[in-house]
Structure formats: structure tokens, C-alpha cells
């Protein structure tokens, strides 16, 4: 009887430990905790012509309700960015403010649609301020468009929206991206949708120098990229390279390459958002003649397939000067 009673106590304690508090990691163990990141499904759509991301488990159900919480343990952005929360842990993050609109992050051949939006800690900027929220919507038939509304993120989320989110922390990078640091993301399930708590001033970007931009573009430093992943930044006084094929300043797939730094400017967010006809609408293609010099480019630090990049949210508002087709709006 004594042994049986002791065994029962141990089982109960083990179950309670597994369902209770999140495991905070010692920073020294971060490297081992991220070692398997490359084996997880990517949350970035490859550039055209590249192989599609591997399928991931999706989630369906109502997405727009204001839930009362799903029991995840509260953590801070500081704990996430320091690496003290293990990948795969369920957590809740409050005091967030949206820094982007909603956009299509990836679309697998199996029909899984992954949507995303960026958020930051309120009144925070720079390293440790940002977080990418992702959520799977309902699957769709190959050839049909992904439809928002079955995932956990509001379709009309706007920079400045105050948010509370619960989800699972993941570190994502494609297995094809050898040596590239993974991107932390919070996967929010449709069964526990993001809660919009009001609206406030949209966060301002942190101005970064060219040396930091170059280190981000290298994509190797895990701690650096965990710190800056999802941060809203601005790069001042940069010049576009010329695309030798077309003679303008825009390379294939809406990429702008710069003279002063290898950090590329990608059109991912606004080209795949819900505006102007939705993801991939031809009207959203950036148009910049050569030569083009930018007073400022504002965007999010984003792992776009295998390349860490700068992703503006709007080709008119986040680039100065704006895309050529925005001339009337600037009037």
C-alpha cells in the first residue's frame, strides 16, 4: 500500500507540473531550446519559383469573438525576447498594440491558409518591442483564394489597435534555409481569438543605422534577430540599386535592393494584405524608377522565407518618396 500511495502522489504531481506554470528557461539554455527550430513548419511564403512551405496543422472555427481568455499563463515581451520561454509553450501577452494590418503569411498546397499581423508592446520601440502573430484559417480548395474570417485575427486590425492575445510560441524557419536564424511567432488559435480592447496611437518606428541593418540582413545572429524580430524600424537616406533587366529600381517580386546595406525591402505585407482587391492584386505592385533615393523607409523586421528583410506596410505611406502610382495621393 505504501508504494502504491507513493506512486499515486508522484503521478498527480507530474500531471500538475505538466499543466501548470510555464517553464522559464535560463538564458544559458536558449541555444539548446532552439536547436530544433528548423524542423518546424515555416511561417513565411517562399518567393515565386521556390518550393512551397511544408504543410502545418491548421485550426478552424469562429474568429471574431471577444473571448474571455483560454487559461494560458501571462508572460511579458521581455521574457519572450530573452529566450526564457520555451518554444511550444502556451502563453498570454497583454498590453500589445498592432503595428501592421492583417496579411497572408503563407498558403500551402494542401489548402492551409496562414494569416498574420505584427504587434508591439505599448510605448515600446526598438529591440525587444515586436511580435508576429499568426493564425491558421480554414483550408481551401487549390486554386481558390484564402478567405479571412475563420482564423483568430480580426480582418480589419489596424496599427494602433490595443490587443490581448493567447497562443503558442513557436520558432520558425524553413529547413531549406541553412544557417538562417528562426523567427519567433505566436500562433493564435481560432478557438481563442485575439481580443481587441480599443484603439490608441500607433507606435513610432525606431531609427536604425546601416551597420545594424547589415547585421540583420546577414540573418545568422540568433540573439540579435530574436531581439529585433517584429520590430518597427526606419532606415534613412538610402539609395536603390537598378534592376538590369527592367532598368527601374524594383526587382522581381517587389524587392528593392539598396546600395548602402544588403537589407532588402520586400513588398510582402502590403502585397498580401486585404486592401485593393486582396492578396496579390496587381495594383499593389511597387513602382520606382531609377535612380531613386529614399529619405526614409519604414517597415517591420521580417523573415521572408530565407531572408531577413525590411517589410513596409504601405507603398505610399512607408516609403519617402512613395511609389510612383501614389503621386495623386501625395498631391
C-alpha atoms as a PDB file:
ATOM      1  CA  UNK A   1       0.000   0.000   0.000  1.00  0.00           C
ATOM      2  CA  UNK A   2       2.833   2.376   0.822  1.00  0.00           C
ATOM      3  CA  UNK A   3       4.427   2.003  -2.580  1.00  0.00           C
ATOM      4  CA  UNK A   4       1.078   2.385  -4.364  1.00  0.00           C
ATOM      5  CA  UNK A   5       0.274   5.553  -2.425  1.00  0.00           C
ATOM      6  CA  UNK A   6       3.683   6.995  -3.207  1.00  0.00           C
ATOM      7  CA  UNK A   7       3.287   6.166  -6.906  1.00  0.00           C
ATOM      8  CA  UNK A   8      -0.121   7.862  -6.992  1.00  0.00           C
ATOM      9  CA  UNK A   9       1.315  11.017  -5.428  1.00  0.00           C
ATOM     10  CA  UNK A  10       4.126  11.115  -7.987  1.00  0.00           C
ATOM     11  CA  UNK A  11       1.674  10.726 -10.879  1.00  0.00           C
ATOM     12  CA  UNK A  12      -0.505  13.545  -9.575  1.00  0.00           C
ATOM     13  CA  UNK A  13       2.471  15.831  -9.091  1.00  0.00           C
ATOM     14  CA  UNK A  14       3.722  15.069 -12.600  1.00  0.00           C
ATOM     15  CA  UNK A  15       0.337  15.845 -14.158  1.00  0.00           C
ATOM     16  CA  UNK A  16       0.066  19.104 -12.220  1.00  0.00           C
ATOM     17  CA  UNK A  17       3.542  20.167 -13.325  1.00  0.00           C
ATOM     18  CA  UNK A  18       2.753  19.498 -16.979  1.00  0.00           C
ATOM     19  CA  UNK A  19      -0.448  21.561 -16.868  1.00  0.00           C
ATOM     20  CA  UNK A  20       0.738  24.367 -14.661  1.00  0.00           C
ATOM     21  CA  UNK A  21       3.235  27.192 -14.886  1.00  0.00           C
ATOM     22  CA  UNK A  22       5.256  27.869 -17.989  1.00  0.00           C
ATOM     23  CA  UNK A  23       8.841  26.820 -17.889  1.00  0.00           C
ATOM     24  CA  UNK A  24      11.083  29.873 -17.818  1.00  0.00           C
ATOM     25  CA  UNK A  25      14.448  28.986 -19.259  1.00  0.00           C
ATOM     26  CA  UNK A  26      17.819  30.075 -18.060  1.00  0.00           C
ATOM     27  CA  UNK A  27      19.331  32.212 -20.866  1.00  0.00           C
ATOM     28  CA  UNK A  28      22.257  29.796 -20.994  1.00  0.00           C
ATOM     29  CA  UNK A  29      19.929  27.056 -22.234  1.00  0.00           C
ATOM     30  CA  UNK A  30      18.429  29.097 -25.055  1.00  0.00           C
ATOM     31  CA  UNK A  31      20.625  27.607 -27.778  1.00  0.00           C
ATOM     32  CA  UNK A  32      19.632  24.051 -26.955  1.00  0.00           C
ATOM     33  CA  UNK A  33      15.974  25.066 -26.736  1.00  0.00           C
ATOM     34  CA  UNK A  34      16.056  26.442 -30.283  1.00  0.00           C
ATOM     35  CA  UNK A  35      18.073  23.665 -31.836  1.00  0.00           C
ATOM     36  CA  UNK A  36      15.029  22.017 -33.358  1.00  0.00           C
ATOM     37  CA  UNK A  37      13.513  25.174 -34.790  1.00  0.00           C
ATOM     38  CA  UNK A  38      14.402  24.299 -38.358  1.00  0.00           C
ATOM     39  CA  UNK A  39      12.305  21.138 -38.179  1.00  0.00           C
ATOM     40  CA  UNK A  40       9.106  23.076 -37.512  1.00  0.00           C
ATOM     41  CA  UNK A  41       6.881  24.208 -40.423  1.00  0.00           C
ATOM     42  CA  UNK A  42       7.826  27.622 -41.848  1.00  0.00           C
ATOM     43  CA  UNK A  43       5.552  30.604 -41.449  1.00  0.00           C
ATOM     44  CA  UNK A  44       6.814  32.519 -44.443  1.00  0.00           C
ATOM     45  CA  UNK A  45       5.729  32.165 -48.041  1.00  0.00           C
ATOM     46  CA  UNK A  46       8.617  31.438 -50.431  1.00  0.00           C
ATOM     47  CA  UNK A  47       9.336  33.789 -53.276  1.00  0.00           C
ATOM     48  CA  UNK A  48       7.787  32.792 -56.566  1.00  0.00           C
ATOM     49  CA  UNK A  49       9.537  29.821 -58.066  1.00  0.00           C
ATOM     50  CA  UNK A  50      10.803  28.490 -54.745  1.00  0.00           C
ATOM     51  CA  UNK A  51       9.400  25.332 -53.217  1.00  0.00           C
ATOM     52  CA  UNK A  52       6.270  25.781 -51.134  1.00  0.00           C
ATOM     53  CA  UNK A  53       6.434  25.570 -47.338  1.00  0.00           C
ATOM     54  CA  UNK A  54       5.629  22.260 -45.737  1.00  0.00           C
ATOM     55  CA  UNK A  55       2.077  21.878 -44.507  1.00  0.00           C
ATOM     56  CA  UNK A  56       1.294  22.619 -40.875  1.00  0.00           C
ATOM     57  CA  UNK A  57      -1.609  21.751 -38.657  1.00  0.00           C
ATOM     58  CA  UNK A  58      -4.386  24.288 -39.100  1.00  0.00           C
ATOM     59  CA  UNK A  59      -7.284  25.394 -36.958  1.00  0.00           C
ATOM     60  CA  UNK A  60     -10.798  26.423 -37.921  1.00  0.00           C
ATOM     61  CA  UNK A  61     -13.761  27.923 -36.157  1.00  0.00           C
ATOM     62  CA  UNK A  62     -15.180  31.317 -35.251  1.00  0.00           C
ATOM     63  CA  UNK A  63     -12.535  34.017 -35.222  1.00  0.00           C
ATOM     64  CA  UNK A  64     -14.036  37.351 -34.369  1.00  0.00           C
ATOM     65  CA  UNK A  65     -15.489  36.733 -30.926  1.00  0.00           C
ATOM     66  CA  UNK A  66     -14.176  38.539 -27.886  1.00  0.00           C
ATOM     67  CA  UNK A  67     -13.246  35.553 -25.745  1.00  0.00           C
ATOM     68  CA  UNK A  68     -12.770  35.733 -22.017  1.00  0.00           C
ATOM     69  CA  UNK A  69      -9.383  34.038 -22.064  1.00  0.00           C
ATOM     70  CA  UNK A  70      -8.316  30.460 -22.561  1.00  0.00           C
ATOM     71  CA  UNK A  71      -6.220  29.829 -19.495  1.00  0.00           C
ATOM     72  CA  UNK A  72      -2.726  30.466 -20.857  1.00  0.00           C
ATOM     73  CA  UNK A  73      -0.189  31.862 -18.425  1.00  0.00           C
ATOM     74  CA  UNK A  74       0.754  35.526 -18.746  1.00  0.00           C
ATOM     75  CA  UNK A  75       4.266  36.365 -19.917  1.00  0.00           C
ATOM     76  CA  UNK A  76       5.974  39.567 -20.972  1.00  0.00           C
ATOM     77  CA  UNK A  77       7.644  40.534 -24.215  1.00  0.00           C
ATOM     78  CA  UNK A  78      10.905  40.764 -22.288  1.00  0.00           C
ATOM     79  CA  UNK A  79      10.638  37.093 -21.334  1.00  0.00           C
ATOM     80  CA  UNK A  80       9.903  36.086 -24.935  1.00  0.00           C
ATOM     81  CA  UNK A  81      12.743  38.092 -26.441  1.00  0.00           C
ATOM     82  CA  UNK A  82      15.242  36.990 -23.822  1.00  0.00           C
ATOM     83  CA  UNK A  83      14.576  33.352 -24.708  1.00  0.00           C
ATOM     84  CA  UNK A  84      13.242  32.494 -21.243  1.00  0.00           C
ATOM     85  CA  UNK A  85      10.018  30.954 -22.606  1.00  0.00           C
ATOM     86  CA  UNK A  86      10.370  27.604 -24.349  1.00  0.00           C
ATOM     87  CA  UNK A  87       9.094  27.193 -27.899  1.00  0.00           C
ATOM     88  CA  UNK A  88       5.771  25.340 -27.807  1.00  0.00           C
ATOM     89  CA  UNK A  89       4.606  26.919 -24.551  1.00  0.00           C
ATOM     90  CA  UNK A  90       1.056  28.279 -24.295  1.00  0.00           C
ATOM     91  CA  UNK A  91       1.082  31.878 -23.136  1.00  0.00           C
ATOM     92  CA  UNK A  92      -0.895  35.093 -22.932  1.00  0.00           C
ATOM     93  CA  UNK A  93       0.501  38.523 -23.810  1.00  0.00           C
ATOM     94  CA  UNK A  94      -1.259  41.743 -22.852  1.00  0.00           C
ATOM     95  CA  UNK A  95      -0.504  45.422 -23.388  1.00  0.00           C
ATOM     96  CA  UNK A  96       0.119  44.940 -27.107  1.00  0.00           C
ATOM     97  CA  UNK A  97      -0.588  47.428 -29.883  1.00  0.00           C
ATOM     98  CA  UNK A  98      -0.948  46.373 -33.516  1.00  0.00           C
ATOM     99  CA  UNK A  99       1.813  47.720 -35.763  1.00  0.00           C
ATOM    100  CA  UNK A 100       0.518  46.350 -39.074  1.00  0.00           C
ATOM    101  CA  UNK A 101      -2.563  45.303 -40.937  1.00  0.00           C
ATOM    102  CA  UNK A 102      -3.510  41.656 -41.475  1.00  0.00           C
ATOM    103  CA  UNK A 103      -1.789  39.849 -44.329  1.00  0.00           C
ATOM    104  CA  UNK A 104      -1.479  36.362 -45.815  1.00  0.00           C
ATOM    105  CA  UNK A 105       1.742  34.863 -44.479  1.00  0.00           C
ATOM    106  CA  UNK A 106       1.646  31.544 -46.311  1.00  0.00           C
ATOM    107  CA  UNK A 107      -0.587  29.354 -48.395  1.00  0.00           C
ATOM    108  CA  UNK A 108       0.315  25.670 -48.570  1.00  0.00           C
ATOM    109  CA  UNK A 109      -0.596  23.388 -51.457  1.00  0.00           C
ATOM    110  CA  UNK A 110      -2.656  21.346 -49.012  1.00  0.00           C
ATOM    111  CA  UNK A 111      -5.003  24.321 -48.639  1.00  0.00           C
ATOM    112  CA  UNK A 112      -3.796  25.679 -45.299  1.00  0.00           C
ATOM    113  CA  UNK A 113      -4.002  29.474 -45.091  1.00  0.00           C
ATOM    114  CA  UNK A 114      -1.816  31.199 -42.503  1.00  0.00           C
ATOM    115  CA  UNK A 115      -2.635  34.820 -41.676  1.00  0.00           C
ATOM    116  CA  UNK A 116      -0.535  37.237 -39.678  1.00  0.00           C
ATOM    117  CA  UNK A 117      -0.233  40.687 -38.139  1.00  0.00           C
ATOM    118  CA  UNK A 118       2.529  42.432 -36.209  1.00  0.00           C
ATOM    119  CA  UNK A 119       2.185  43.891 -32.734  1.00  0.00           C
ATOM    120  CA  UNK A 120       4.436  45.696 -30.271  1.00  0.00           C
ATOM    121  CA  UNK A 121       4.439  46.448 -26.592  1.00  0.00           C
ATOM    122  CA  UNK A 122       2.665  49.720 -25.948  1.00  0.00           C
ATOM    123  CA  UNK A 123       5.046  52.651 -25.543  1.00  0.00           C
ATOM    124  CA  UNK A 124       7.944  50.478 -26.710  1.00  0.00           C
ATOM    125  CA  UNK A 125      10.247  50.672 -29.720  1.00  0.00           C
ATOM    126  CA  UNK A 126      13.419  49.051 -30.968  1.00  0.00           C
ATOM    127  CA  UNK A 127      14.918  45.785 -29.765  1.00  0.00           C
ATOM    128  CA  UNK A 128      12.531  43.557 -27.831  1.00  0.00           C
ATOM    129  CA  UNK A 129       9.434  45.536 -28.796  1.00  0.00           C
ATOM    130  CA  UNK A 130       7.787  43.449 -31.518  1.00  0.00           C
ATOM    131  CA  UNK A 131       5.961  40.161 -32.033  1.00  0.00           C
ATOM    132  CA  UNK A 132       4.489  38.447 -35.098  1.00  0.00           C
ATOM    133  CA  UNK A 133       1.043  36.944 -34.505  1.00  0.00           C
ATOM    134  CA  UNK A 134      -0.024  34.141 -36.853  1.00  0.00           C
ATOM    135  CA  UNK A 135      -3.219  32.115 -37.125  1.00  0.00           C
ATOM    136  CA  UNK A 136      -4.432  29.321 -39.384  1.00  0.00           C
ATOM    137  CA  UNK A 137      -7.770  29.790 -41.108  1.00  0.00           C
ATOM    138  CA  UNK A 138      -9.972  27.202 -42.743  1.00  0.00           C
ATOM    139  CA  UNK A 139      -8.456  25.180 -45.565  1.00  0.00           C
ATOM    140  CA  UNK A 140      -9.450  25.973 -49.113  1.00  0.00           C
ATOM    141  CA  UNK A 141      -9.546  24.195 -52.461  1.00  0.00           C
ATOM    142  CA  UNK A 142      -6.393  24.504 -54.544  1.00  0.00           C
ATOM    143  CA  UNK A 143      -6.826  27.408 -56.944  1.00  0.00           C
ATOM    144  CA  UNK A 144      -9.266  29.308 -54.750  1.00  0.00           C
ATOM    145  CA  UNK A 145      -8.279  32.316 -52.675  1.00  0.00           C
ATOM    146  CA  UNK A 146      -7.736  32.138 -48.918  1.00  0.00           C
ATOM    147  CA  UNK A 147     -10.653  33.791 -47.147  1.00  0.00           C
ATOM    148  CA  UNK A 148     -10.091  35.606 -43.848  1.00  0.00           C
ATOM    149  CA  UNK A 149     -12.634  35.208 -41.094  1.00  0.00           C
ATOM    150  CA  UNK A 150     -12.038  31.652 -39.891  1.00  0.00           C
ATOM    151  CA  UNK A 151      -8.757  32.455 -38.118  1.00  0.00           C
ATOM    152  CA  UNK A 152      -8.119  34.229 -34.825  1.00  0.00           C
ATOM    153  CA  UNK A 153      -7.083  37.685 -36.097  1.00  0.00           C
ATOM    154  CA  UNK A 154      -9.622  40.448 -36.868  1.00  0.00           C
ATOM    155  CA  UNK A 155      -9.804  41.098 -40.608  1.00  0.00           C
ATOM    156  CA  UNK A 156      -9.732  44.867 -40.056  1.00  0.00           C
ATOM    157  CA  UNK A 157      -6.936  45.036 -37.495  1.00  0.00           C
ATOM    158  CA  UNK A 158      -5.229  48.421 -37.770  1.00  0.00           C
ATOM    159  CA  UNK A 159      -1.986  49.884 -36.383  1.00  0.00           C
ATOM    160  CA  UNK A 160      -2.898  51.324 -33.012  1.00  0.00           C
ATOM    161  CA  UNK A 161      -5.428  48.631 -32.049  1.00  0.00           C
ATOM    162  CA  UNK A 162      -4.854  47.527 -28.442  1.00  0.00           C
ATOM    163  CA  UNK A 163      -4.701  43.717 -28.270  1.00  0.00           C
ATOM    164  CA  UNK A 164      -4.608  40.851 -25.816  1.00  0.00           C
ATOM    165  CA  UNK A 165      -3.614  37.528 -27.330  1.00  0.00           C
ATOM    166  CA  UNK A 166      -3.157  33.950 -26.192  1.00  0.00           C
ATOM    167  CA  UNK A 167      -1.354  31.322 -28.199  1.00  0.00           C
ATOM    168  CA  UNK A 168       1.608  29.018 -28.607  1.00  0.00           C
ATOM    169  CA  UNK A 169       5.130  30.325 -29.005  1.00  0.00           C
ATOM    170  CA  UNK A 170       6.988  28.903 -31.996  1.00  0.00           C
ATOM    171  CA  UNK A 171      10.328  29.460 -33.722  1.00  0.00           C
ATOM    172  CA  UNK A 172      10.023  29.121 -37.486  1.00  0.00           C
ATOM    173  CA  UNK A 173      12.393  28.861 -40.402  1.00  0.00           C
ATOM    174  CA  UNK A 174      12.263  26.594 -43.440  1.00  0.00           C
ATOM    175  CA  UNK A 175      14.516  23.556 -43.370  1.00  0.00           C
ATOM    176  CA  UNK A 176      15.831  24.809 -46.722  1.00  0.00           C
ATOM    177  CA  UNK A 177      17.240  27.954 -45.100  1.00  0.00           C
ATOM    178  CA  UNK A 178      20.582  26.587 -43.943  1.00  0.00           C
ATOM    179  CA  UNK A 179      22.050  28.583 -41.059  1.00  0.00           C
ATOM    180  CA  UNK A 180      19.293  31.233 -41.037  1.00  0.00           C
ATOM    181  CA  UNK A 181      18.089  32.248 -37.572  1.00  0.00           C
ATOM    182  CA  UNK A 182      14.450  31.352 -36.859  1.00  0.00           C
ATOM    183  CA  UNK A 183      11.728  33.923 -36.241  1.00  0.00           C
ATOM    184  CA  UNK A 184       9.692  33.868 -33.030  1.00  0.00           C
ATOM    185  CA  UNK A 185       5.945  33.825 -33.667  1.00  0.00           C
ATOM    186  CA  UNK A 186       2.870  33.478 -31.506  1.00  0.00           C
ATOM    187  CA  UNK A 187       0.403  31.055 -33.071  1.00  0.00           C
ATOM    188  CA  UNK A 188      -3.112  32.130 -32.068  1.00  0.00           C
ATOM    189  CA  UNK A 189      -5.859  29.529 -32.407  1.00  0.00           C
ATOM    190  CA  UNK A 190      -9.313  30.377 -33.741  1.00  0.00           C
ATOM    191  CA  UNK A 191     -10.840  28.809 -30.637  1.00  0.00           C
ATOM    192  CA  UNK A 192      -9.252  31.595 -28.573  1.00  0.00           C
ATOM    193  CA  UNK A 193      -9.218  34.664 -30.841  1.00  0.00           C
ATOM    194  CA  UNK A 194      -7.247  37.839 -30.282  1.00  0.00           C
ATOM    195  CA  UNK A 195      -9.139  40.397 -28.217  1.00  0.00           C
ATOM    196  CA  UNK A 196      -9.264  43.984 -29.421  1.00  0.00           C
ATOM    197  CA  UNK A 197      -9.528  46.284 -26.410  1.00  0.00           C
ATOM    198  CA  UNK A 198      -9.712  49.702 -28.025  1.00  0.00           C
ATOM    199  CA  UNK A 199      -7.514  51.986 -30.101  1.00  0.00           C
ATOM    200  CA  UNK A 200      -4.561  54.187 -29.273  1.00  0.00           C
ATOM    201  CA  UNK A 201      -1.727  55.948 -31.063  1.00  0.00           C
ATOM    202  CA  UNK A 202       0.186  53.700 -33.436  1.00  0.00           C
ATOM    203  CA  UNK A 203       3.756  53.003 -32.245  1.00  0.00           C
ATOM    204  CA  UNK A 204       6.564  55.021 -33.816  1.00  0.00           C
ATOM    205  CA  UNK A 205       9.490  53.281 -35.551  1.00  0.00           C
ATOM    206  CA  UNK A 206      12.991  53.047 -34.134  1.00  0.00           C
ATOM    207  CA  UNK A 207      15.546  54.584 -36.494  1.00  0.00           C
ATOM    208  CA  UNK A 208      18.409  52.141 -37.155  1.00  0.00           C
ATOM    209  CA  UNK A 209      21.792  52.780 -38.730  1.00  0.00           C
ATOM    210  CA  UNK A 210      23.226  50.965 -41.734  1.00  0.00           C
ATOM    211  CA  UNK A 211      25.564  48.840 -39.641  1.00  0.00           C
ATOM    212  CA  UNK A 212      22.652  47.314 -37.720  1.00  0.00           C
ATOM    213  CA  UNK A 213      20.659  46.913 -40.932  1.00  0.00           C
ATOM    214  CA  UNK A 214      23.543  44.929 -42.410  1.00  0.00           C
ATOM    215  CA  UNK A 215      23.748  42.648 -39.361  1.00  0.00           C
ATOM    216  CA  UNK A 216      20.016  41.981 -39.581  1.00  0.00           C
ATOM    217  CA  UNK A 217      20.331  41.135 -43.274  1.00  0.00           C
ATOM    218  CA  UNK A 218      23.032  38.556 -42.564  1.00  0.00           C
ATOM    219  CA  UNK A 219      20.371  36.508 -40.799  1.00  0.00           C
ATOM    220  CA  UNK A 220      22.739  34.453 -38.625  1.00  0.00           C
ATOM    221  CA  UNK A 221      22.824  36.017 -35.162  1.00  0.00           C
ATOM    222  CA  UNK A 222      20.016  34.290 -33.242  1.00  0.00           C
ATOM    223  CA  UNK A 223      20.035  36.636 -30.259  1.00  0.00           C
ATOM    224  CA  UNK A 224      20.146  39.767 -32.415  1.00  0.00           C
ATOM    225  CA  UNK A 225      17.298  38.577 -34.615  1.00  0.00           C
ATOM    226  CA  UNK A 226      15.207  37.424 -31.681  1.00  0.00           C
ATOM    227  CA  UNK A 227      15.637  40.930 -30.234  1.00  0.00           C
ATOM    228  CA  UNK A 228      14.715  42.731 -33.445  1.00  0.00           C
ATOM    229  CA  UNK A 229      12.223  40.300 -34.985  1.00  0.00           C
ATOM    230  CA  UNK A 230       8.892  42.051 -35.453  1.00  0.00           C
ATOM    231  CA  UNK A 231      10.261  45.477 -34.538  1.00  0.00           C
ATOM    232  CA  UNK A 232       9.024  48.513 -36.429  1.00  0.00           C
ATOM    233  CA  UNK A 233      12.104  50.320 -37.735  1.00  0.00           C
ATOM    234  CA  UNK A 234      13.071  53.134 -40.097  1.00  0.00           C
ATOM    235  CA  UNK A 235      16.105  53.391 -42.361  1.00  0.00           C
ATOM    236  CA  UNK A 236      17.113  56.871 -43.518  1.00  0.00           C
ATOM    237  CA  UNK A 237      19.000  58.136 -46.548  1.00  0.00           C
ATOM    238  CA  UNK A 238      19.325  55.030 -48.718  1.00  0.00           C
ATOM    239  CA  UNK A 239      19.589  54.570 -52.480  1.00  0.00           C
ATOM    240  CA  UNK A 240      18.003  51.893 -54.669  1.00  0.00           C
ATOM    241  CA  UNK A 241      20.050  49.661 -56.932  1.00  0.00           C
ATOM    242  CA  UNK A 242      18.989  49.296 -60.545  1.00  0.00           C
ATOM    243  CA  UNK A 243      17.348  46.159 -61.887  1.00  0.00           C
ATOM    244  CA  UNK A 244      19.381  45.500 -65.020  1.00  0.00           C
ATOM    245  CA  UNK A 245      16.528  43.577 -66.668  1.00  0.00           C
ATOM    246  CA  UNK A 246      13.878  46.300 -66.458  1.00  0.00           C
ATOM    247  CA  UNK A 247      16.002  49.378 -65.859  1.00  0.00           C
ATOM    248  CA  UNK A 248      13.925  50.503 -62.880  1.00  0.00           C
ATOM    249  CA  UNK A 249      14.518  50.257 -59.113  1.00  0.00           C
ATOM    250  CA  UNK A 250      12.228  47.283 -58.428  1.00  0.00           C
ATOM    251  CA  UNK A 251      13.498  43.721 -58.756  1.00  0.00           C
ATOM    252  CA  UNK A 252      11.214  40.703 -59.316  1.00  0.00           C
ATOM    253  CA  UNK A 253       8.513  40.091 -56.682  1.00  0.00           C
ATOM    254  CA  UNK A 254       8.543  43.706 -55.496  1.00  0.00           C
ATOM    255  CA  UNK A 255      12.027  43.631 -53.971  1.00  0.00           C
ATOM    256  CA  UNK A 256      14.058  46.843 -53.628  1.00  0.00           C
ATOM    257  CA  UNK A 257      17.797  46.367 -53.105  1.00  0.00           C
ATOM    258  CA  UNK A 258      19.890  49.115 -51.584  1.00  0.00           C
ATOM    259  CA  UNK A 259      23.368  50.455 -52.235  1.00  0.00           C
ATOM    260  CA  UNK A 260      24.274  51.115 -48.607  1.00  0.00           C
ATOM    261  CA  UNK A 261      23.163  47.834 -46.974  1.00  0.00           C
ATOM    262  CA  UNK A 262      22.212  44.283 -48.032  1.00  0.00           C
ATOM    263  CA  UNK A 263      18.937  44.596 -46.068  1.00  0.00           C
ATOM    264  CA  UNK A 264      16.325  44.190 -48.807  1.00  0.00           C
ATOM    265  CA  UNK A 265      12.972  45.965 -48.853  1.00  0.00           C
ATOM    266  CA  UNK A 266      10.164  43.470 -49.503  1.00  0.00           C
ATOM    267  CA  UNK A 267       6.567  44.130 -50.548  1.00  0.00           C
ATOM    268  CA  UNK A 268       5.232  41.125 -48.615  1.00  0.00           C
ATOM    269  CA  UNK A 269       2.940  42.914 -46.165  1.00  0.00           C
ATOM    270  CA  UNK A 270       1.057  45.273 -48.442  1.00  0.00           C
ATOM    271  CA  UNK A 271       1.076  42.996 -51.498  1.00  0.00           C
ATOM    272  CA  UNK A 272      -0.529  40.178 -49.479  1.00  0.00           C
ATOM    273  CA  UNK A 273      -2.886  42.235 -47.301  1.00  0.00           C
ATOM    274  CA  UNK A 274      -6.654  42.625 -47.733  1.00  0.00           C
ATOM    275  CA  UNK A 275      -6.633  46.077 -49.355  1.00  0.00           C
ATOM    276  CA  UNK A 276      -7.208  46.956 -53.030  1.00  0.00           C
ATOM    277  CA  UNK A 277      -8.604  43.603 -54.071  1.00  0.00           C
ATOM    278  CA  UNK A 278      -6.796  41.400 -51.577  1.00  0.00           C
ATOM    279  CA  UNK A 279      -3.576  39.359 -51.695  1.00  0.00           C
ATOM    280  CA  UNK A 280      -1.591  39.504 -54.957  1.00  0.00           C
ATOM    281  CA  UNK A 281      -3.675  42.300 -56.530  1.00  0.00           C
ATOM    282  CA  UNK A 282      -1.613  43.671 -59.413  1.00  0.00           C
ATOM    283  CA  UNK A 283      -2.471  47.259 -58.485  1.00  0.00           C
ATOM    284  CA  UNK A 284      -0.320  46.922 -55.356  1.00  0.00           C
ATOM    285  CA  UNK A 285       2.941  46.335 -57.215  1.00  0.00           C
ATOM    286  CA  UNK A 286       5.522  48.970 -56.146  1.00  0.00           C
ATOM    287  CA  UNK A 287       6.714  51.309 -58.888  1.00  0.00           C
ATOM    288  CA  UNK A 288      10.004  53.167 -58.532  1.00  0.00           C
ATOM    289  CA  UNK A 289      12.071  54.483 -61.399  1.00  0.00           C
ATOM    290  CA  UNK A 290      15.837  54.563 -61.432  1.00  0.00           C
ATOM    291  CA  UNK A 291      17.543  56.407 -59.864  1.00  0.00           C
ATOM    292  CA  UNK A 292      15.569  56.504 -56.606  1.00  0.00           C
ATOM    293  CA  UNK A 293      16.873  57.797 -53.285  1.00  0.00           C
ATOM    294  CA  UNK A 294      14.758  57.392 -50.176  1.00  0.00           C
ATOM    295  CA  UNK A 295      14.668  59.905 -47.357  1.00  0.00           C
ATOM    296  CA  UNK A 296      13.163  57.168 -45.171  1.00  0.00           C
ATOM    297  CA  UNK A 297      11.833  53.621 -45.447  1.00  0.00           C
ATOM    298  CA  UNK A 298       9.688  52.357 -42.557  1.00  0.00           C
ATOM    299  CA  UNK A 299       8.770  48.709 -42.052  1.00  0.00           C
ATOM    300  CA  UNK A 300       8.829  45.579 -39.923  1.00  0.00           C
ATOM    301  CA  UNK A 301      11.833  43.293 -39.428  1.00  0.00           C
ATOM    302  CA  UNK A 302      10.503  40.138 -41.075  1.00  0.00           C
ATOM    303  CA  UNK A 303      11.834  36.720 -42.082  1.00  0.00           C
ATOM    304  CA  UNK A 304      10.520  36.402 -45.648  1.00  0.00           C
ATOM    305  CA  UNK A 305      11.237  32.758 -46.492  1.00  0.00           C
ATOM    306  CA  UNK A 306      15.047  32.524 -46.100  1.00  0.00           C
ATOM    307  CA  UNK A 307      15.846  36.230 -45.980  1.00  0.00           C
ATOM    308  CA  UNK A 308      15.541  38.654 -43.094  1.00  0.00           C
ATOM    309  CA  UNK A 309      14.137  41.799 -44.663  1.00  0.00           C
ATOM    310  CA  UNK A 310      12.500  45.183 -44.115  1.00  0.00           C
ATOM    311  CA  UNK A 311       8.778  44.966 -44.905  1.00  0.00           C
ATOM    312  CA  UNK A 312       6.870  48.264 -45.318  1.00  0.00           C
ATOM    313  CA  UNK A 313       3.151  48.179 -44.579  1.00  0.00           C
ATOM    314  CA  UNK A 314       2.186  50.602 -47.340  1.00  0.00           C
ATOM    315  CA  UNK A 315       3.953  51.505 -50.570  1.00  0.00           C
ATOM    316  CA  UNK A 316       2.622  55.055 -50.298  1.00  0.00           C
ATOM    317  CA  UNK A 317       2.922  55.917 -46.594  1.00  0.00           C
ATOM    318  CA  UNK A 318       6.003  53.934 -45.534  1.00  0.00           C
ATOM    319  CA  UNK A 319       8.360  54.945 -48.341  1.00  0.00           C
ATOM    320  CA  UNK A 320       9.509  58.508 -48.917  1.00  0.00           C
ATOM    321  CA  UNK A 321       9.225  59.197 -51.749  1.00  0.00           C
ATOM    322  CA  UNK A 322       6.225  56.955 -52.300  1.00  0.00           C
ATOM    323  CA  UNK A 323       5.612  54.535 -55.151  1.00  0.00           C
ATOM    324  CA  UNK A 324       5.067  56.357 -58.454  1.00  0.00           C
ATOM    325  CA  UNK A 325       1.402  55.338 -58.577  1.00  0.00           C
ATOM    326  CA  UNK A 326       0.827  57.156 -55.259  1.00  0.00           C
ATOM    327  CA  UNK A 327       1.631  60.604 -56.763  1.00  0.00           C
ATOM    328  CA  UNK A 328      -2.014  61.650 -56.747  1.00  0.00           C
ATOM    329  CA  UNK A 329      -2.398  60.708 -53.092  1.00  0.00           C
ATOM    330  CA  UNK A 330       0.647  62.772 -52.174  1.00  0.00           C
ATOM    331  CA  UNK A 331      -0.717  65.750 -54.078  1.00  0.00           C
END
